[in-house]
Amino acid sequence: MNLKKEEEENFNQLSYYTLTHKDSSFIHQHIVDAYGAQIANQTTKKIRTIFSLVGLYLYLEMDYTGRKVQEFHTLMSKNKMEWPKIDFPKYRGEIGVSDVLATKQGFERDNMIRNWCFSVWKEYEENRNSIIELVKKYNNK
């Protein structure tokens, strides 16, 4: 099995965990954003990458729950703007979906999800200001 296919299968397994999670904050949104940003490249639809980076920013720096991130994504989809240019980092973080899946379910895995999000977000540091500016534009609508 190739690595990409294995990662997709691991993501699907992790999705099952997060979608059946009892926490009302909707932790699933955070894995969608971390994975989306981690695998993005020049051929990825720009909207997916932008939504992933906005989601990571809102979660990690603005303390949004997954539900609140989802609501912000809905606002973005209803009020289209020009997306900023994204500089794709060569390195995408020291944690991947397989690391998260290998972590014990419950608090430990939920904490690893947050660590995964941090590890991906910090690699996109060059894009941070443009993501913040985009979020500000939407917040002023």
N, C-alpha and C. Protein backbone atom coordinates (compact mmCIF):
# COMPACT_ATOMS: atom_id res chain seq x y z
N MET A 1 0.85 -1.18 0.00
CA MET A 1 0.00 0.00 0.00
C MET A 1 0.90 1.24 0.00
N ASN A 2 0.54 2.23 -0.82
CA ASN A 2 1.38 3.42 -0.83
C ASN A 2 1.08 4.32 0.36
N LEU A 3 2.04 5.19 0.66
CA LEU A 3 1.95 6.03 1.86
C LEU A 3 0.73 6.93 1.83
N LYS A 4 0.42 7.50 0.67
CA LYS A 4 -0.74 8.41 0.57
C LYS A 4 -2.03 7.66 0.90
N LYS A 5 -2.19 6.48 0.34
CA LYS A 5 -3.39 5.67 0.59
C LYS A 5 -3.48 5.30 2.07
N GLU A 6 -2.35 4.95 2.67
CA GLU A 6 -2.32 4.59 4.09
C GLU A 6 -2.73 5.79 4.96
N GLU A 7 -2.22 6.97 4.62
CA GLU A 7 -2.58 8.18 5.37
C GLU A 7 -4.07 8.48 5.24
N GLU A 8 -4.62 8.30 4.05
CA GLU A 8 -6.05 8.51 3.85
C GLU A 8 -6.86 7.55 4.71
N GLU A 9 -6.45 6.31 4.75
CA GLU A 9 -7.15 5.32 5.58
C GLU A 9 -7.03 5.67 7.06
N ASN A 10 -5.86 6.12 7.48
CA ASN A 10 -5.68 6.55 8.87
C ASN A 10 -6.57 7.75 9.17
N PHE A 11 -6.65 8.69 8.22
CA PHE A 11 -7.52 9.84 8.42
C PHE A 11 -8.98 9.40 8.56
N ASN A 12 -9.40 8.45 7.75
CA ASN A 12 -10.77 7.94 7.85
C ASN A 12 -11.03 7.30 9.21
N GLN A 13 -10.07 6.55 9.72
CA GLN A 13 -10.21 5.95 11.05
C GLN A 13 -10.28 7.02 12.13
N LEU A 14 -9.43 8.03 12.01
CA LEU A 14 -9.45 9.12 12.98
C LEU A 14 -10.76 9.89 12.88
N SER A 15 -11.28 10.03 11.69
CA SER A 15 -12.57 10.72 11.50
C SER A 15 -13.68 9.98 12.22
N TYR A 16 -13.66 8.66 12.15
CA TYR A 16 -14.66 7.89 12.87
C TYR A 16 -14.59 8.22 14.36
N TYR A 17 -13.40 8.27 14.90
CA TYR A 17 -13.21 8.61 16.32
C TYR A 17 -13.78 10.00 16.62
N THR A 18 -13.43 10.99 15.81
CA THR A 18 -13.86 12.36 16.12
C THR A 18 -15.34 12.59 15.85
N LEU A 19 -15.88 11.93 14.85
CA LEU A 19 -17.31 12.10 14.55
C LEU A 19 -18.21 11.44 15.59
N THR A 20 -17.67 10.45 16.29
CA THR A 20 -18.46 9.79 17.34
C THR A 20 -18.08 10.30 18.73
N HIS A 21 -17.26 11.32 18.76
CA HIS A 21 -16.79 11.91 20.02
C HIS A 21 -17.96 12.53 20.76
N LYS A 22 -17.98 12.37 22.04
CA LYS A 22 -19.09 12.87 22.86
C LYS A 22 -18.99 14.37 23.16
N ASP A 23 -17.83 14.96 22.90
CA ASP A 23 -17.62 16.38 23.19
C ASP A 23 -18.42 17.24 22.20
N SER A 24 -19.17 18.18 22.70
CA SER A 24 -20.02 19.01 21.85
C SER A 24 -19.24 20.09 21.09
N SER A 25 -17.94 20.22 21.35
CA SER A 25 -17.16 21.26 20.69
C SER A 25 -16.85 20.93 19.22
N PHE A 26 -17.12 19.71 18.80
CA PHE A 26 -16.92 19.23 17.43
C PHE A 26 -15.44 19.22 17.06
N ILE A 27 -14.70 18.36 17.75
CA ILE A 27 -13.27 18.21 17.54
C ILE A 27 -12.93 17.76 16.11
N HIS A 28 -13.88 17.16 15.44
CA HIS A 28 -13.66 16.69 14.08
C HIS A 28 -13.18 17.81 13.16
N GLN A 29 -13.71 19.01 13.34
CA GLN A 29 -13.32 20.12 12.47
C GLN A 29 -11.81 20.36 12.52
N HIS A 30 -11.22 20.18 13.67
CA HIS A 30 -9.79 20.45 13.82
C HIS A 30 -8.93 19.44 13.06
N ILE A 31 -9.37 18.19 13.01
CA ILE A 31 -8.58 17.22 12.25
C ILE A 31 -8.73 17.46 10.76
N VAL A 32 -9.91 17.90 10.33
CA VAL A 32 -10.12 18.22 8.92
C VAL A 32 -9.18 19.36 8.52
N ASP A 33 -9.07 20.37 9.37
CA ASP A 33 -8.21 21.51 9.06
C ASP A 33 -6.72 21.15 9.11
N ALA A 34 -6.30 20.39 10.11
CA ALA A 34 -4.90 20.00 10.21
C ALA A 34 -4.50 19.14 9.01
N TYR A 35 -5.32 18.16 8.70
CA TYR A 35 -5.02 17.26 7.58
C TYR A 35 -5.04 18.03 6.26
N GLY A 36 -6.04 18.90 6.09
CA GLY A 36 -6.13 19.68 4.85
C GLY A 36 -4.91 20.54 4.62
N ALA A 37 -4.42 21.20 5.67
CA ALA A 37 -3.24 22.04 5.53
C ALA A 37 -1.97 21.20 5.36
N GLN A 38 -1.94 20.05 6.01
CA GLN A 38 -0.74 19.22 5.96
C GLN A 38 -0.53 18.60 4.58
N ILE A 39 -1.59 18.24 3.89
CA ILE A 39 -1.44 17.58 2.60
C ILE A 39 -1.58 18.54 1.42
N ALA A 40 -1.90 19.79 1.67
CA ALA A 40 -2.12 20.75 0.59
C ALA A 40 -0.87 20.97 -0.25
N ASN A 41 -1.10 21.22 -1.52
CA ASN A 41 -0.01 21.57 -2.43
C ASN A 41 -0.56 22.48 -3.52
N GLN A 42 0.23 22.75 -4.53
CA GLN A 42 -0.17 23.68 -5.59
C GLN A 42 -1.42 23.23 -6.35
N THR A 43 -1.72 21.94 -6.35
CA THR A 43 -2.88 21.44 -7.08
C THR A 43 -4.15 21.36 -6.23
N THR A 44 -4.01 21.57 -4.94
CA THR A 44 -5.16 21.55 -4.03
C THR A 44 -6.02 22.77 -4.30
N LYS A 45 -7.32 22.60 -4.25
CA LYS A 45 -8.21 23.75 -4.42
C LYS A 45 -7.88 24.78 -3.36
N LYS A 46 -7.74 26.02 -3.80
CA LYS A 46 -7.32 27.08 -2.89
C LYS A 46 -8.28 27.24 -1.72
N ILE A 47 -9.57 27.06 -1.95
CA ILE A 47 -10.56 27.21 -0.89
C ILE A 47 -10.29 26.21 0.24
N ARG A 48 -9.89 25.00 -0.10
CA ARG A 48 -9.63 23.99 0.94
C ARG A 48 -8.45 24.41 1.81
N THR A 49 -7.40 24.89 1.17
CA THR A 49 -6.22 25.31 1.93
C THR A 49 -6.54 26.52 2.80
N ILE A 50 -7.22 27.50 2.24
CA ILE A 50 -7.57 28.71 2.99
C ILE A 50 -8.46 28.36 4.17
N PHE A 51 -9.50 27.56 3.95
CA PHE A 51 -10.39 27.17 5.03
C PHE A 51 -9.61 26.43 6.12
N SER A 52 -8.68 25.56 5.73
CA SER A 52 -7.88 24.81 6.71
C SER A 52 -7.04 25.76 7.55
N LEU A 53 -6.37 26.71 6.91
CA LEU A 53 -5.52 27.64 7.64
C LEU A 53 -6.33 28.58 8.52
N VAL A 54 -7.46 29.05 8.02
CA VAL A 54 -8.34 29.88 8.85
C VAL A 54 -8.82 29.09 10.05
N GLY A 55 -9.20 27.83 9.83
CA GLY A 55 -9.66 26.98 10.93
C GLY A 55 -8.58 26.78 11.99
N LEU A 56 -7.36 26.54 11.55
CA LEU A 56 -6.26 26.36 12.51
C LEU A 56 -6.01 27.65 13.29
N TYR A 57 -6.01 28.77 12.60
CA TYR A 57 -5.82 30.05 13.28
C TYR A 57 -6.91 30.30 14.32
N LEU A 58 -8.16 30.12 13.91
CA LEU A 58 -9.27 30.38 14.83
C LEU A 58 -9.23 29.45 16.04
N TYR A 59 -8.90 28.21 15.83
CA TYR A 59 -8.82 27.23 16.91
C TYR A 59 -7.66 27.53 17.86
N LEU A 60 -6.48 27.70 17.30
CA LEU A 60 -5.28 27.78 18.13
C LEU A 60 -5.01 29.17 18.71
N GLU A 61 -5.39 30.21 17.98
CA GLU A 61 -5.06 31.55 18.45
C GLU A 61 -6.28 32.33 18.96
N MET A 62 -7.46 31.93 18.51
CA MET A 62 -8.67 32.64 18.93
C MET A 62 -9.56 31.77 19.81
N ASP A 63 -9.12 30.53 20.06
CA ASP A 63 -9.81 29.60 20.96
C ASP A 63 -11.23 29.26 20.51
N TYR A 64 -11.43 29.17 19.19
CA TYR A 64 -12.73 28.76 18.66
C TYR A 64 -12.89 27.25 18.82
N THR A 65 -14.10 26.83 19.11
CA THR A 65 -14.42 25.40 19.08
C THR A 65 -14.55 24.99 17.61
N GLY A 66 -14.61 23.70 17.38
CA GLY A 66 -14.86 23.21 16.03
C GLY A 66 -16.17 23.73 15.47
N ARG A 67 -17.19 23.81 16.32
CA ARG A 67 -18.50 24.34 15.88
C ARG A 67 -18.38 25.78 15.42
N LYS A 68 -17.64 26.60 16.20
CA LYS A 68 -17.46 28.01 15.85
C LYS A 68 -16.65 28.16 14.56
N VAL A 69 -15.65 27.30 14.39
CA VAL A 69 -14.87 27.32 13.15
C VAL A 69 -15.79 26.99 11.98
N GLN A 70 -16.62 25.99 12.16
CA GLN A 70 -17.55 25.59 11.11
C GLN A 70 -18.48 26.75 10.75
N GLU A 71 -18.97 27.47 11.74
CA GLU A 71 -19.83 28.63 11.49
C GLU A 71 -19.07 29.71 10.71
N PHE A 72 -17.80 29.91 11.05
CA PHE A 72 -16.99 30.90 10.33
C PHE A 72 -16.78 30.46 8.89
N HIS A 73 -16.55 29.19 8.67
CA HIS A 73 -16.41 28.68 7.30
C HIS A 73 -17.69 28.92 6.50
N THR A 74 -18.84 28.77 7.14
CA THR A 74 -20.12 29.04 6.47
C THR A 74 -20.20 30.51 6.08
N LEU A 75 -19.81 31.39 6.98
CA LEU A 75 -19.78 32.83 6.67
C LEU A 75 -18.88 33.09 5.47
N MET A 76 -17.72 32.46 5.44
CA MET A 76 -16.79 32.64 4.33
C MET A 76 -17.38 32.15 3.01
N SER A 77 -18.10 31.05 3.06
CA SER A 77 -18.65 30.50 1.82
C SER A 77 -19.81 31.33 1.29
N LYS A 78 -20.48 32.05 2.16
CA LYS A 78 -21.60 32.90 1.73
C LYS A 78 -21.16 34.29 1.29
N ASN A 79 -19.97 34.71 1.69
CA ASN A 79 -19.45 36.04 1.37
C ASN A 79 -18.07 35.89 0.75
N LYS A 80 -18.05 35.53 -0.51
CA LYS A 80 -16.78 35.23 -1.17
C LYS A 80 -15.91 36.47 -1.32
N MET A 81 -14.63 36.29 -1.03
CA MET A 81 -13.62 37.33 -1.20
C MET A 81 -12.47 36.72 -1.99
N GLU A 82 -11.56 37.58 -2.38
CA GLU A 82 -10.36 37.07 -3.04
C GLU A 82 -9.46 36.45 -1.96
N TRP A 83 -9.05 35.21 -2.20
CA TRP A 83 -8.20 34.52 -1.24
C TRP A 83 -6.77 35.01 -1.36
N PRO A 84 -6.06 35.09 -0.26
CA PRO A 84 -4.64 35.48 -0.33
C PRO A 84 -3.80 34.36 -0.95
N LYS A 85 -2.66 34.74 -1.46
CA LYS A 85 -1.71 33.76 -1.99
C LYS A 85 -1.14 32.97 -0.81
N ILE A 86 -0.99 31.68 -1.00
CA ILE A 86 -0.44 30.82 0.05
C ILE A 86 0.95 30.37 -0.35
N ASP A 87 1.88 30.53 0.58
CA ASP A 87 3.23 29.99 0.41
C ASP A 87 3.25 28.64 1.13
N PHE A 88 3.46 27.60 0.36
CA PHE A 88 3.44 26.25 0.94
C PHE A 88 4.80 25.93 1.54
N PRO A 89 4.82 25.62 2.84
CA PRO A 89 6.10 25.25 3.45
C PRO A 89 6.54 23.88 2.98
N LYS A 90 7.84 23.71 2.93
CA LYS A 90 8.38 22.40 2.52
C LYS A 90 8.06 21.35 3.58
N TYR A 91 8.24 21.72 4.83
CA TYR A 91 8.01 20.81 5.95
C TYR A 91 6.63 21.10 6.52
N ARG A 92 5.86 20.09 6.89
CA ARG A 92 4.47 20.28 7.33
C ARG A 92 4.20 19.87 8.76
N GLY A 93 5.22 19.79 9.59
CA GLY A 93 5.01 19.48 11.00
C GLY A 93 5.55 18.12 11.38
N GLU A 94 5.88 18.00 12.66
CA GLU A 94 6.49 16.76 13.14
C GLU A 94 5.45 15.70 13.53
N ILE A 95 4.19 16.07 13.52
CA ILE A 95 3.11 15.14 13.87
C ILE A 95 2.23 14.93 12.65
N GLY A 96 1.83 13.71 12.41
CA GLY A 96 0.93 13.38 11.31
C GLY A 96 -0.28 12.62 11.82
N VAL A 97 -1.19 12.34 10.93
CA VAL A 97 -2.43 11.66 11.30
C VAL A 97 -2.14 10.29 11.92
N SER A 98 -1.13 9.59 11.43
CA SER A 98 -0.83 8.26 11.99
C SER A 98 -0.34 8.36 13.43
N ASP A 99 0.37 9.45 13.76
CA ASP A 99 0.81 9.66 15.15
C ASP A 99 -0.39 9.87 16.07
N VAL A 100 -1.35 10.63 15.58
CA VAL A 100 -2.55 10.90 16.38
C VAL A 100 -3.33 9.60 16.58
N LEU A 101 -3.49 8.85 15.51
CA LEU A 101 -4.24 7.60 15.58
C LEU A 101 -3.57 6.59 16.51
N ALA A 102 -2.27 6.65 16.62
CA ALA A 102 -1.52 5.71 17.48
C ALA A 102 -1.60 6.08 18.96
N THR A 103 -2.15 7.25 19.26
CA THR A 103 -2.25 7.72 20.64
C THR A 103 -3.52 7.17 21.29
N LYS A 104 -3.43 6.82 22.55
CA LYS A 104 -4.56 6.27 23.30
C LYS A 104 -5.79 7.18 23.20
N GLN A 105 -6.94 6.57 22.95
CA GLN A 105 -8.19 7.32 22.83
C GLN A 105 -8.52 8.06 24.12
N GLY A 106 -9.24 9.14 23.98
CA GLY A 106 -9.65 9.94 25.13
C GLY A 106 -8.81 11.20 25.23
N PHE A 107 -8.53 11.62 26.46
CA PHE A 107 -7.81 12.86 26.70
C PHE A 107 -6.48 12.90 25.95
N GLU A 108 -5.74 11.79 25.98
CA GLU A 108 -4.41 11.77 25.34
C GLU A 108 -4.52 12.01 23.84
N ARG A 109 -5.45 11.34 23.18
CA ARG A 109 -5.60 11.54 21.73
C ARG A 109 -6.13 12.94 21.44
N ASP A 110 -7.07 13.41 22.23
CA ASP A 110 -7.61 14.76 22.00
C ASP A 110 -6.50 15.80 22.15
N ASN A 111 -5.62 15.60 23.11
CA ASN A 111 -4.47 16.49 23.29
C ASN A 111 -3.50 16.38 22.12
N MET A 112 -3.32 15.17 21.62
CA MET A 112 -2.44 14.97 20.46
C MET A 112 -3.01 15.64 19.22
N ILE A 113 -4.34 15.67 19.10
CA ILE A 113 -4.96 16.39 17.98
C ILE A 113 -4.58 17.86 18.04
N ARG A 114 -4.67 18.44 19.23
CA ARG A 114 -4.29 19.86 19.39
C ARG A 114 -2.80 20.06 19.07
N ASN A 115 -1.95 19.15 19.52
CA ASN A 115 -0.52 19.24 19.22
C ASN A 115 -0.27 19.12 17.71
N TRP A 116 -1.02 18.25 17.06
CA TRP A 116 -0.91 18.09 15.60
C TRP A 116 -1.26 19.42 14.92
N CYS A 117 -2.37 20.01 15.35
CA CYS A 117 -2.79 21.29 14.77
C CYS A 117 -1.68 22.33 14.94
N PHE A 118 -1.10 22.43 16.12
CA PHE A 118 0.01 23.37 16.37
C PHE A 118 1.19 23.09 15.45
N SER A 119 1.53 21.81 15.30
CA SER A 119 2.71 21.48 14.51
C SER A 119 2.53 21.86 13.04
N VAL A 120 1.31 21.74 12.53
CA VAL A 120 1.03 22.13 11.14
C VAL A 120 0.97 23.66 11.03
N TRP A 121 0.24 24.30 11.93
CA TRP A 121 0.06 25.75 11.89
C TRP A 121 1.40 26.49 11.94
N LYS A 122 2.30 26.05 12.79
CA LYS A 122 3.58 26.78 12.93
C LYS A 122 4.40 26.71 11.65
N GLU A 123 4.21 25.67 10.84
CA GLU A 123 4.95 25.58 9.58
C GLU A 123 4.43 26.57 8.53
N TYR A 124 3.22 27.03 8.70
CA TYR A 124 2.63 28.02 7.78
C TYR A 124 2.82 29.45 8.28
N GLU A 125 3.79 29.67 9.14
CA GLU A 125 4.05 30.97 9.75
C GLU A 125 4.10 32.11 8.74
N GLU A 126 4.68 31.86 7.57
CA GLU A 126 4.79 32.91 6.55
C GLU A 126 3.43 33.41 6.08
N ASN A 127 2.39 32.61 6.26
CA ASN A 127 1.05 32.96 5.82
C ASN A 127 0.18 33.53 6.93
N ARG A 128 0.69 33.54 8.14
CA ARG A 128 -0.11 33.92 9.31
C ARG A 128 -0.75 35.30 9.16
N ASN A 129 0.02 36.30 8.78
CA ASN A 129 -0.54 37.66 8.68
C ASN A 129 -1.63 37.77 7.64
N SER A 130 -1.48 37.10 6.51
CA SER A 130 -2.53 37.18 5.48
C SER A 130 -3.79 36.44 5.94
N ILE A 131 -3.64 35.39 6.72
CA ILE A 131 -4.82 34.68 7.26
C ILE A 131 -5.52 35.57 8.29
N ILE A 132 -4.75 36.23 9.15
CA ILE A 132 -5.33 37.14 10.14
C ILE A 132 -6.08 38.27 9.45
N GLU A 133 -5.50 38.84 8.40
CA GLU A 133 -6.16 39.93 7.66
C GLU A 133 -7.46 39.45 7.02
N LEU A 134 -7.45 38.25 6.49
CA LEU A 134 -8.65 37.69 5.90
C LEU A 134 -9.75 37.52 6.96
N VAL A 135 -9.39 36.98 8.10
CA VAL A 135 -10.35 36.79 9.18
C VAL A 135 -10.92 38.13 9.62
N LYS A 136 -10.08 39.16 9.72
CA LYS A 136 -10.54 40.49 10.09
C LYS A 136 -11.56 41.03 9.10
N LYS A 137 -11.31 40.81 7.83
CA LYS A 137 -12.26 41.27 6.81
C LYS A 137 -13.63 40.61 7.00
N TYR A 138 -13.63 39.33 7.27
CA TYR A 138 -14.90 38.64 7.50
C TYR A 138 -15.57 39.08 8.80
N ASN A 139 -14.78 39.35 9.80
CA ASN A 139 -15.36 39.80 11.07
C ASN A 139 -15.95 41.21 10.95
N ASN A 140 -15.51 41.97 9.97
CA ASN A 140 -16.04 43.33 9.77
C ASN A 140 -17.23 43.37 8.84
N LYS A 141 -17.68 42.24 8.35
CA LYS A 141 -18.85 42.18 7.45
C LYS A 141 -20.12 42.32 8.22
